[in-house]
Amino acid sequence: MNTPTDRSPTDALEEGAGRFRLRIGARTIHADRNDELLAALIGPEYLEETDPEVLFLMRFEQAIVIATAVQESIVAAAVERRELDETTDDHVWTALLAERETVDPGVRWEHRVPLVLVTSLFAPYTDRDQPIGNIACIDPTDDVTMLETLQALGVIELSERDDLAVA
């Protein structure tokens, strides 16, 4: 059992205080700030870091992990629905199963199974053009865009608490 001295900063976030609510799976996190919400996903060290470049790298690394997991889930569901099978083109399989850091779908992704990418792996951050088409992206540029794109993907659910009075 946790005592007040051995609790992590993210333990308090799960107990119900805070303006914002984030749901991920069975967990519900309450927080007053976006960085607190991301700390629940990335780890308590996110709240301890002050260097903006290091914070970006922490979000970027987590975005790759999440993009990989989401892509794997999408592929598994597509195989189950028979949208992907042994007749699927090798280029499609390669793009869907490649590591997110190295995936190269070309200029346009037109397959009905979406491709999950991390925006920071493409222009203007690198010399690689971001493909267009059936693309789902995670954008780790800052706390807000990371949370918004994770919500758009359905990874998390964000809301403001209903019981707070608005002044």
N, C-alpha and C. Protein backbone atom coordinates (compact mmCIF):
# COMPACT_ATOMS: atom_id res chain seq x y z
N MET A 1 0.84 -1.19 0.00
CA MET A 1 0.00 0.00 0.00
C MET A 1 0.88 1.25 0.00
N ASN A 2 0.48 2.23 -0.76
CA ASN A 2 1.25 3.47 -0.83
C ASN A 2 1.00 4.32 0.39
N THR A 3 2.05 4.92 0.88
CA THR A 3 1.92 5.92 1.93
C THR A 3 2.12 7.27 1.28
N PRO A 4 1.76 8.37 1.96
CA PRO A 4 1.91 9.68 1.33
C PRO A 4 3.32 9.98 0.85
N THR A 5 4.34 9.37 1.43
CA THR A 5 5.70 9.68 1.04
C THR A 5 6.20 8.85 -0.14
N ASP A 6 5.55 7.74 -0.47
CA ASP A 6 6.07 6.92 -1.56
C ASP A 6 5.15 6.90 -2.78
N ARG A 7 4.29 7.87 -2.88
CA ARG A 7 3.40 7.96 -4.03
C ARG A 7 4.07 8.78 -5.12
N SER A 8 3.85 8.38 -6.36
CA SER A 8 4.41 9.14 -7.48
C SER A 8 3.47 10.30 -7.80
N PRO A 9 3.97 11.30 -8.53
CA PRO A 9 3.10 12.42 -8.90
C PRO A 9 1.89 11.98 -9.72
N THR A 10 2.03 10.89 -10.47
CA THR A 10 0.90 10.46 -11.28
C THR A 10 -0.14 9.70 -10.47
N ASP A 11 0.22 9.20 -9.27
CA ASP A 11 -0.78 8.55 -8.42
C ASP A 11 -1.89 9.53 -8.05
N ALA A 12 -1.50 10.74 -7.67
CA ALA A 12 -2.48 11.75 -7.29
C ALA A 12 -3.40 12.10 -8.44
N LEU A 13 -2.87 12.04 -9.68
CA LEU A 13 -3.67 12.39 -10.84
C LEU A 13 -4.80 11.39 -11.06
N GLU A 14 -4.61 10.17 -10.64
CA GLU A 14 -5.64 9.16 -10.84
C GLU A 14 -6.73 9.20 -9.78
N GLU A 15 -6.54 10.02 -8.75
CA GLU A 15 -7.48 10.01 -7.63
C GLU A 15 -8.64 10.97 -7.79
N GLY A 16 -8.64 11.85 -8.77
CA GLY A 16 -9.85 12.61 -9.01
C GLY A 16 -9.78 14.12 -8.94
N ALA A 17 -8.64 14.72 -8.64
CA ALA A 17 -8.57 16.17 -8.62
C ALA A 17 -8.18 16.65 -10.02
N GLY A 18 -8.62 17.84 -10.37
CA GLY A 18 -8.17 18.41 -11.63
C GLY A 18 -9.30 18.77 -12.56
N ARG A 19 -9.01 19.73 -13.40
CA ARG A 19 -9.98 20.27 -14.35
C ARG A 19 -10.25 19.34 -15.53
N PHE A 20 -9.20 18.64 -16.00
CA PHE A 20 -9.32 17.80 -17.18
C PHE A 20 -9.37 16.32 -16.80
N ARG A 21 -10.04 15.56 -17.66
CA ARG A 21 -10.12 14.11 -17.45
C ARG A 21 -9.62 13.43 -18.72
N LEU A 22 -8.75 12.46 -18.54
CA LEU A 22 -8.22 11.68 -19.64
C LEU A 22 -8.54 10.22 -19.33
N ARG A 23 -9.14 9.55 -20.28
CA ARG A 23 -9.38 8.12 -20.15
C ARG A 23 -8.53 7.39 -21.16
N ILE A 24 -7.84 6.38 -20.67
CA ILE A 24 -7.06 5.50 -21.53
C ILE A 24 -7.28 4.10 -21.00
N GLY A 25 -7.97 3.32 -21.80
CA GLY A 25 -8.34 1.98 -21.35
C GLY A 25 -9.23 2.09 -20.12
N ALA A 26 -8.87 1.38 -19.08
CA ALA A 26 -9.66 1.38 -17.84
C ALA A 26 -9.23 2.49 -16.89
N ARG A 27 -8.15 3.20 -17.22
CA ARG A 27 -7.64 4.26 -16.34
C ARG A 27 -8.32 5.58 -16.63
N THR A 28 -8.57 6.34 -15.57
CA THR A 28 -9.05 7.70 -15.69
C THR A 28 -8.08 8.59 -14.91
N ILE A 29 -7.59 9.61 -15.58
CA ILE A 29 -6.63 10.54 -15.01
C ILE A 29 -7.30 11.90 -14.92
N HIS A 30 -7.13 12.58 -13.79
CA HIS A 30 -7.62 13.94 -13.62
C HIS A 30 -6.41 14.85 -13.42
N ALA A 31 -6.40 15.99 -14.08
CA ALA A 31 -5.28 16.91 -13.97
C ALA A 31 -5.72 18.32 -14.32
N ASP A 32 -4.90 19.26 -13.92
CA ASP A 32 -5.17 20.66 -14.23
C ASP A 32 -4.39 21.15 -15.45
N ARG A 33 -3.34 20.40 -15.82
CA ARG A 33 -2.48 20.84 -16.91
C ARG A 33 -2.25 19.71 -17.92
N ASN A 34 -1.97 20.10 -19.16
CA ASN A 34 -1.71 19.12 -20.21
C ASN A 34 -0.48 18.27 -19.94
N ASP A 35 0.56 18.88 -19.36
CA ASP A 35 1.77 18.09 -19.07
C ASP A 35 1.49 17.01 -18.03
N GLU A 36 0.57 17.27 -17.12
CA GLU A 36 0.19 16.25 -16.14
C GLU A 36 -0.53 15.08 -16.83
N LEU A 37 -1.36 15.40 -17.82
CA LEU A 37 -2.04 14.35 -18.57
C LEU A 37 -1.02 13.50 -19.33
N LEU A 38 -0.05 14.15 -19.97
CA LEU A 38 0.97 13.41 -20.71
C LEU A 38 1.87 12.60 -19.78
N ALA A 39 2.10 13.09 -18.58
CA ALA A 39 2.91 12.34 -17.61
C ALA A 39 2.26 11.01 -17.29
N ALA A 40 0.94 10.96 -17.34
CA ALA A 40 0.24 9.69 -17.10
C ALA A 40 0.52 8.69 -18.22
N LEU A 41 0.82 9.19 -19.41
CA LEU A 41 1.15 8.32 -20.55
C LEU A 41 2.64 8.04 -20.66
N ILE A 42 3.44 9.05 -20.42
CA ILE A 42 4.88 8.95 -20.64
C ILE A 42 5.61 8.47 -19.38
N GLY A 43 5.18 8.95 -18.25
CA GLY A 43 5.83 8.62 -16.98
C GLY A 43 6.04 9.87 -16.15
N PRO A 44 6.23 9.70 -14.84
CA PRO A 44 6.37 10.87 -13.96
C PRO A 44 7.58 11.74 -14.27
N GLU A 45 8.60 11.17 -14.92
CA GLU A 45 9.78 11.96 -15.28
C GLU A 45 9.44 13.10 -16.24
N TYR A 46 8.29 13.00 -16.92
CA TYR A 46 7.88 14.06 -17.84
C TYR A 46 7.63 15.35 -17.06
N LEU A 47 7.09 15.24 -15.85
CA LEU A 47 6.84 16.43 -15.03
C LEU A 47 8.11 17.00 -14.42
N GLU A 48 9.13 16.18 -14.33
CA GLU A 48 10.39 16.62 -13.72
C GLU A 48 11.31 17.32 -14.70
N GLU A 49 11.08 17.14 -15.99
CA GLU A 49 11.94 17.71 -17.02
C GLU A 49 11.53 19.14 -17.33
N THR A 50 12.52 20.02 -17.55
CA THR A 50 12.22 21.42 -17.88
C THR A 50 12.75 21.83 -19.25
N ASP A 51 13.66 21.07 -19.82
CA ASP A 51 14.24 21.41 -21.12
C ASP A 51 13.23 21.10 -22.23
N PRO A 52 12.81 22.12 -22.99
CA PRO A 52 11.81 21.90 -24.05
C PRO A 52 12.24 20.86 -25.09
N GLU A 53 13.53 20.81 -25.41
CA GLU A 53 14.01 19.84 -26.40
C GLU A 53 13.90 18.41 -25.87
N VAL A 54 14.22 18.23 -24.61
CA VAL A 54 14.11 16.90 -24.00
C VAL A 54 12.64 16.50 -23.90
N LEU A 55 11.78 17.45 -23.55
CA LEU A 55 10.34 17.16 -23.48
C LEU A 55 9.82 16.73 -24.85
N PHE A 56 10.26 17.42 -25.91
CA PHE A 56 9.86 17.03 -27.26
C PHE A 56 10.32 15.60 -27.55
N LEU A 57 11.57 15.29 -27.23
CA LEU A 57 12.08 13.94 -27.48
C LEU A 57 11.31 12.88 -26.70
N MET A 58 10.89 13.21 -25.49
CA MET A 58 10.09 12.27 -24.70
C MET A 58 8.73 12.03 -25.37
N ARG A 59 8.10 13.11 -25.85
CA ARG A 59 6.82 12.97 -26.55
C ARG A 59 7.01 12.20 -27.85
N PHE A 60 8.08 12.51 -28.58
CA PHE A 60 8.40 11.87 -29.85
C PHE A 60 8.57 10.36 -29.66
N GLU A 61 9.36 9.97 -28.69
CA GLU A 61 9.58 8.54 -28.43
C GLU A 61 8.28 7.84 -28.07
N GLN A 62 7.46 8.47 -27.25
CA GLN A 62 6.17 7.88 -26.87
C GLN A 62 5.24 7.82 -28.08
N ALA A 63 5.29 8.83 -28.94
CA ALA A 63 4.46 8.83 -30.15
C ALA A 63 4.80 7.63 -31.03
N ILE A 64 6.08 7.31 -31.16
CA ILE A 64 6.48 6.16 -31.97
C ILE A 64 5.96 4.86 -31.35
N VAL A 65 6.07 4.74 -30.04
CA VAL A 65 5.57 3.54 -29.36
C VAL A 65 4.07 3.39 -29.57
N ILE A 66 3.34 4.49 -29.40
CA ILE A 66 1.88 4.44 -29.56
C ILE A 66 1.51 4.18 -31.02
N ALA A 67 2.18 4.84 -31.96
CA ALA A 67 1.88 4.64 -33.39
C ALA A 67 2.09 3.18 -33.77
N THR A 68 3.14 2.58 -33.25
CA THR A 68 3.42 1.17 -33.53
C THR A 68 2.29 0.29 -33.01
N ALA A 69 1.88 0.53 -31.78
CA ALA A 69 0.81 -0.28 -31.17
C ALA A 69 -0.51 -0.09 -31.91
N VAL A 70 -0.83 1.13 -32.26
CA VAL A 70 -2.09 1.40 -32.97
C VAL A 70 -2.06 0.75 -34.35
N GLN A 71 -0.91 0.87 -35.06
CA GLN A 71 -0.81 0.26 -36.38
C GLN A 71 -0.98 -1.25 -36.29
N GLU A 72 -0.36 -1.88 -35.30
CA GLU A 72 -0.50 -3.33 -35.12
C GLU A 72 -1.95 -3.71 -34.87
N SER A 73 -2.64 -2.93 -34.08
CA SER A 73 -4.05 -3.19 -33.78
C SER A 73 -4.92 -3.04 -35.03
N ILE A 74 -4.64 -2.01 -35.81
CA ILE A 74 -5.39 -1.78 -37.05
C ILE A 74 -5.16 -2.93 -38.03
N VAL A 75 -3.91 -3.37 -38.16
CA VAL A 75 -3.59 -4.47 -39.07
C VAL A 75 -4.29 -5.75 -38.62
N ALA A 76 -4.25 -6.05 -37.33
CA ALA A 76 -4.90 -7.26 -36.82
C ALA A 76 -6.40 -7.23 -37.10
N ALA A 77 -7.04 -6.09 -36.88
CA ALA A 77 -8.47 -5.97 -37.16
C ALA A 77 -8.75 -6.12 -38.66
N ALA A 78 -7.88 -5.54 -39.50
CA ALA A 78 -8.07 -5.63 -40.95
C ALA A 78 -7.90 -7.06 -41.44
N VAL A 79 -6.97 -7.80 -40.86
CA VAL A 79 -6.80 -9.21 -41.22
C VAL A 79 -8.05 -9.99 -40.81
N GLU A 80 -8.55 -9.72 -39.65
CA GLU A 80 -9.75 -10.41 -39.17
C GLU A 80 -10.95 -10.12 -40.07
N ARG A 81 -11.05 -8.88 -40.56
CA ARG A 81 -12.15 -8.50 -41.46
C ARG A 81 -11.87 -8.89 -42.91
N ARG A 82 -10.72 -9.48 -43.15
CA ARG A 82 -10.27 -9.91 -44.47
C ARG A 82 -10.03 -8.75 -45.45
N GLU A 83 -9.69 -7.59 -44.89
CA GLU A 83 -9.28 -6.47 -45.74
C GLU A 83 -7.82 -6.60 -46.13
N LEU A 84 -7.08 -7.43 -45.39
CA LEU A 84 -5.69 -7.75 -45.69
C LEU A 84 -5.58 -9.27 -45.70
N ASP A 85 -4.93 -9.81 -46.72
CA ASP A 85 -4.75 -11.27 -46.80
C ASP A 85 -3.55 -11.57 -47.68
N GLU A 86 -3.42 -12.83 -48.08
CA GLU A 86 -2.27 -13.23 -48.88
C GLU A 86 -2.25 -12.59 -50.27
N THR A 87 -3.36 -12.02 -50.72
CA THR A 87 -3.38 -11.35 -52.02
C THR A 87 -2.99 -9.88 -51.93
N THR A 88 -2.82 -9.37 -50.73
CA THR A 88 -2.44 -7.97 -50.53
C THR A 88 -1.03 -7.74 -51.07
N ASP A 89 -0.86 -6.65 -51.77
CA ASP A 89 0.42 -6.27 -52.37
C ASP A 89 1.52 -6.17 -51.31
N ASP A 90 2.73 -6.58 -51.68
CA ASP A 90 3.88 -6.54 -50.77
C ASP A 90 4.18 -5.12 -50.28
N HIS A 91 4.00 -4.13 -51.15
CA HIS A 91 4.24 -2.73 -50.76
C HIS A 91 3.33 -2.34 -49.60
N VAL A 92 2.09 -2.77 -49.64
CA VAL A 92 1.14 -2.47 -48.57
C VAL A 92 1.59 -3.13 -47.28
N TRP A 93 1.89 -4.43 -47.34
CA TRP A 93 2.34 -5.14 -46.13
C TRP A 93 3.59 -4.49 -45.56
N THR A 94 4.54 -4.14 -46.42
CA THR A 94 5.80 -3.55 -45.96
C THR A 94 5.54 -2.25 -45.21
N ALA A 95 4.71 -1.38 -45.78
CA ALA A 95 4.41 -0.10 -45.13
C ALA A 95 3.67 -0.29 -43.81
N LEU A 96 2.72 -1.22 -43.81
CA LEU A 96 1.94 -1.43 -42.58
C LEU A 96 2.75 -2.07 -41.47
N LEU A 97 3.70 -2.91 -41.81
CA LEU A 97 4.45 -3.65 -40.80
C LEU A 97 5.83 -3.08 -40.48
N ALA A 98 6.27 -2.09 -41.24
CA ALA A 98 7.59 -1.49 -41.00
C ALA A 98 7.60 -0.74 -39.67
N GLU A 99 8.81 -0.60 -39.12
CA GLU A 99 8.95 0.24 -37.94
C GLU A 99 8.51 1.65 -38.32
N ARG A 100 7.83 2.32 -37.42
CA ARG A 100 7.29 3.64 -37.73
C ARG A 100 8.39 4.63 -38.10
N GLU A 101 9.60 4.44 -37.58
CA GLU A 101 10.69 5.37 -37.89
C GLU A 101 11.19 5.23 -39.32
N THR A 102 10.96 4.08 -39.94
CA THR A 102 11.52 3.85 -41.28
C THR A 102 10.48 3.64 -42.36
N VAL A 103 9.22 3.66 -42.02
CA VAL A 103 8.18 3.40 -43.00
C VAL A 103 8.25 4.43 -44.13
N ASP A 104 8.14 3.93 -45.36
CA ASP A 104 8.19 4.79 -46.54
C ASP A 104 7.06 4.39 -47.49
N PRO A 105 5.88 4.97 -47.30
CA PRO A 105 4.74 4.58 -48.12
C PRO A 105 4.70 5.24 -49.49
N GLY A 106 5.63 6.12 -49.76
CA GLY A 106 5.58 6.86 -51.01
C GLY A 106 4.82 8.16 -50.83
N VAL A 107 4.46 8.78 -51.94
CA VAL A 107 3.80 10.09 -51.91
C VAL A 107 2.35 10.00 -51.45
N ARG A 108 1.68 8.91 -51.80
CA ARG A 108 0.25 8.79 -51.51
C ARG A 108 -0.02 7.39 -50.97
N TRP A 109 -0.85 7.34 -49.91
CA TRP A 109 -1.29 6.07 -49.33
C TRP A 109 -2.78 5.94 -49.61
N GLU A 110 -3.15 5.03 -50.50
CA GLU A 110 -4.54 4.92 -50.91
C GLU A 110 -5.23 3.66 -50.42
N HIS A 111 -4.53 2.82 -49.71
CA HIS A 111 -5.16 1.59 -49.23
C HIS A 111 -6.26 1.92 -48.22
N ARG A 112 -7.28 1.09 -48.14
CA ARG A 112 -8.39 1.36 -47.22
C ARG A 112 -7.99 1.17 -45.75
N VAL A 113 -6.91 0.44 -45.50
CA VAL A 113 -6.39 0.31 -44.14
C VAL A 113 -5.47 1.50 -43.88
N PRO A 114 -5.79 2.31 -42.87
CA PRO A 114 -4.98 3.51 -42.64
C PRO A 114 -3.57 3.20 -42.19
N LEU A 115 -2.69 4.12 -42.52
CA LEU A 115 -1.30 4.04 -42.12
C LEU A 115 -1.10 5.05 -40.99
N VAL A 116 -0.52 4.61 -39.88
CA VAL A 116 -0.30 5.47 -38.72
C VAL A 116 1.14 5.96 -38.74
N LEU A 117 1.29 7.28 -38.75
CA LEU A 117 2.62 7.89 -38.83
C LEU A 117 2.80 8.92 -37.72
N VAL A 118 4.06 9.25 -37.47
CA VAL A 118 4.41 10.31 -36.52
C VAL A 118 4.88 11.50 -37.36
N THR A 119 4.21 12.63 -37.21
CA THR A 119 4.46 13.79 -38.08
C THR A 119 5.91 14.26 -38.03
N SER A 120 6.56 14.12 -36.91
CA SER A 120 7.92 14.62 -36.76
C SER A 120 8.95 13.83 -37.56
N LEU A 121 8.54 12.75 -38.17
CA LEU A 121 9.44 11.97 -39.01
C LEU A 121 9.43 12.44 -40.46
N PHE A 122 8.65 13.51 -40.71
CA PHE A 122 8.49 14.04 -42.07
C PHE A 122 8.70 15.54 -42.07
N ALA A 123 8.68 16.14 -43.27
CA ALA A 123 8.86 17.59 -43.42
C ALA A 123 7.83 18.32 -42.56
N PRO A 124 8.20 19.39 -41.94
CA PRO A 124 9.44 20.15 -42.09
C PRO A 124 10.57 19.70 -41.14
N TYR A 125 10.37 18.63 -40.41
CA TYR A 125 11.38 18.17 -39.45
C TYR A 125 12.50 17.38 -40.12
N THR A 126 12.20 16.75 -41.25
CA THR A 126 13.20 15.98 -41.99
C THR A 126 13.08 16.33 -43.47
N ASP A 127 13.88 15.69 -44.29
CA ASP A 127 13.80 15.95 -45.73
C ASP A 127 12.80 15.03 -46.42
N ARG A 128 12.08 14.22 -45.67
CA ARG A 128 11.07 13.32 -46.24
C ARG A 128 9.71 14.01 -46.30
N ASP A 129 9.08 13.98 -47.47
CA ASP A 129 7.74 14.55 -47.61
C ASP A 129 6.73 13.67 -46.92
N GLN A 130 5.77 14.32 -46.23
CA GLN A 130 4.72 13.56 -45.57
C GLN A 130 3.73 13.08 -46.63
N PRO A 131 3.42 11.79 -46.63
CA PRO A 131 2.48 11.29 -47.63
C PRO A 131 1.07 11.80 -47.36
N ILE A 132 0.25 11.78 -48.39
CA ILE A 132 -1.15 12.15 -48.25
C ILE A 132 -1.99 10.89 -48.45
N GLY A 133 -3.25 10.99 -48.13
CA GLY A 133 -4.14 9.86 -48.32
C GLY A 133 -4.72 9.38 -47.00
N ASN A 134 -4.91 8.09 -46.89
CA ASN A 134 -5.53 7.48 -45.71
C ASN A 134 -4.49 7.33 -44.60
N ILE A 135 -4.12 8.47 -44.04
CA ILE A 135 -3.06 8.56 -43.03
C ILE A 135 -3.66 9.02 -41.71
N ALA A 136 -3.26 8.36 -40.64
CA ALA A 136 -3.58 8.79 -39.27
C ALA A 136 -2.26 9.21 -38.64
N CYS A 137 -2.23 10.38 -38.01
CA CYS A 137 -0.97 10.90 -37.49
C CYS A 137 -1.01 11.16 -36.00
N ILE A 138 0.15 11.00 -35.40
CA ILE A 138 0.38 11.45 -34.04
C ILE A 138 1.39 12.59 -34.15
N ASP A 139 1.06 13.73 -33.56
CA ASP A 139 1.90 14.91 -33.66
C ASP A 139 2.44 15.26 -32.27
N PRO A 140 3.72 14.98 -32.01
CA PRO A 140 4.29 15.27 -30.70
C PRO A 140 4.90 16.67 -30.57
N THR A 141 4.54 17.59 -31.45
CA THR A 141 5.13 18.92 -31.45
C THR A 141 5.07 19.58 -30.08
N ASP A 142 3.91 19.53 -29.44
CA ASP A 142 3.75 20.09 -28.10
C ASP A 142 2.69 19.27 -27.36
N ASP A 143 2.46 19.62 -26.11
CA ASP A 143 1.51 18.86 -25.29
C ASP A 143 0.12 18.82 -25.91
N VAL A 144 -0.36 19.96 -26.36
CA VAL A 144 -1.73 20.05 -26.88
C VAL A 144 -1.90 19.23 -28.15
N THR A 145 -0.98 19.39 -29.12
CA THR A 145 -1.14 18.64 -30.38
C THR A 145 -0.99 17.13 -30.15
N MET A 146 -0.13 16.76 -29.22
CA MET A 146 0.01 15.33 -28.91
C MET A 146 -1.30 14.79 -28.36
N LEU A 147 -1.88 15.48 -27.39
CA LEU A 147 -3.14 15.02 -26.81
C LEU A 147 -4.27 15.02 -27.84
N GLU A 148 -4.35 16.08 -28.65
CA GLU A 148 -5.41 16.16 -29.66
C GLU A 148 -5.31 15.04 -30.69
N THR A 149 -4.10 14.74 -31.15
CA THR A 149 -3.96 13.69 -32.16
C THR A 149 -4.18 12.31 -31.56
N LEU A 150 -3.81 12.12 -30.30
CA LEU A 150 -4.10 10.83 -29.64
C LEU A 150 -5.60 10.65 -29.48
N GLN A 151 -6.30 11.73 -29.19
CA GLN A 151 -7.75 11.64 -29.08
C GLN A 151 -8.38 11.36 -30.45
N ALA A 152 -7.88 12.03 -31.48
CA ALA A 152 -8.41 11.80 -32.84
C ALA A 152 -8.24 10.35 -33.27
N LEU A 153 -7.16 9.71 -32.82
CA LEU A 153 -6.93 8.30 -33.13
C LEU A 153 -7.78 7.36 -32.29
N GLY A 154 -8.38 7.89 -31.23
CA GLY A 154 -9.17 7.05 -30.35
C GLY A 154 -8.36 6.36 -29.27
N VAL A 155 -7.11 6.78 -29.10
CA VAL A 155 -6.24 6.18 -28.08
C VAL A 155 -6.65 6.65 -26.69
N ILE A 156 -7.02 7.92 -26.60
CA ILE A 156 -7.45 8.50 -25.33
C ILE A 156 -8.77 9.23 -25.53
N GLU A 157 -9.41 9.52 -24.43
CA GLU A 157 -10.61 10.35 -24.45
C GLU A 157 -10.39 11.49 -23.47
N LEU A 158 -10.43 12.72 -23.97
CA LEU A 158 -10.22 13.90 -23.16
C LEU A 158 -11.53 14.63 -22.93
N SER A 159 -11.69 15.16 -21.73
CA SER A 159 -12.85 16.00 -21.46
C SER A 159 -12.56 16.90 -20.28
N GLU A 160 -13.36 17.94 -20.16
CA GLU A 160 -13.28 18.79 -18.98
C GLU A 160 -14.32 18.30 -18.00
N ARG A 161 -14.01 18.44 -16.74
CA ARG A 161 -14.95 17.99 -15.72
C ARG A 161 -16.23 18.80 -15.78
N ASP A 162 -17.35 18.12 -15.68
CA ASP A 162 -18.66 18.76 -15.75
C ASP A 162 -18.99 19.53 -14.47
N ASP A 163 -18.46 19.07 -13.35
CA ASP A 163 -18.88 19.60 -12.07
C ASP A 163 -18.15 20.87 -11.67
N LEU A 164 -17.29 21.40 -12.51
CA LEU A 164 -16.58 22.62 -12.19
C LEU A 164 -17.38 23.83 -12.67
N ALA A 165 -17.49 24.81 -11.82
CA ALA A 165 -18.21 26.03 -12.18
C ALA A 165 -17.34 26.86 -13.11
N VAL A 166 -17.95 27.42 -14.13
CA VAL A 166 -17.23 28.28 -15.06
C VAL A 166 -17.48 29.71 -14.66
N ALA A 167 -16.40 30.47 -14.48
CA ALA A 167 -16.55 31.87 -14.04
C ALA A 167 -16.67 32.78 -15.22
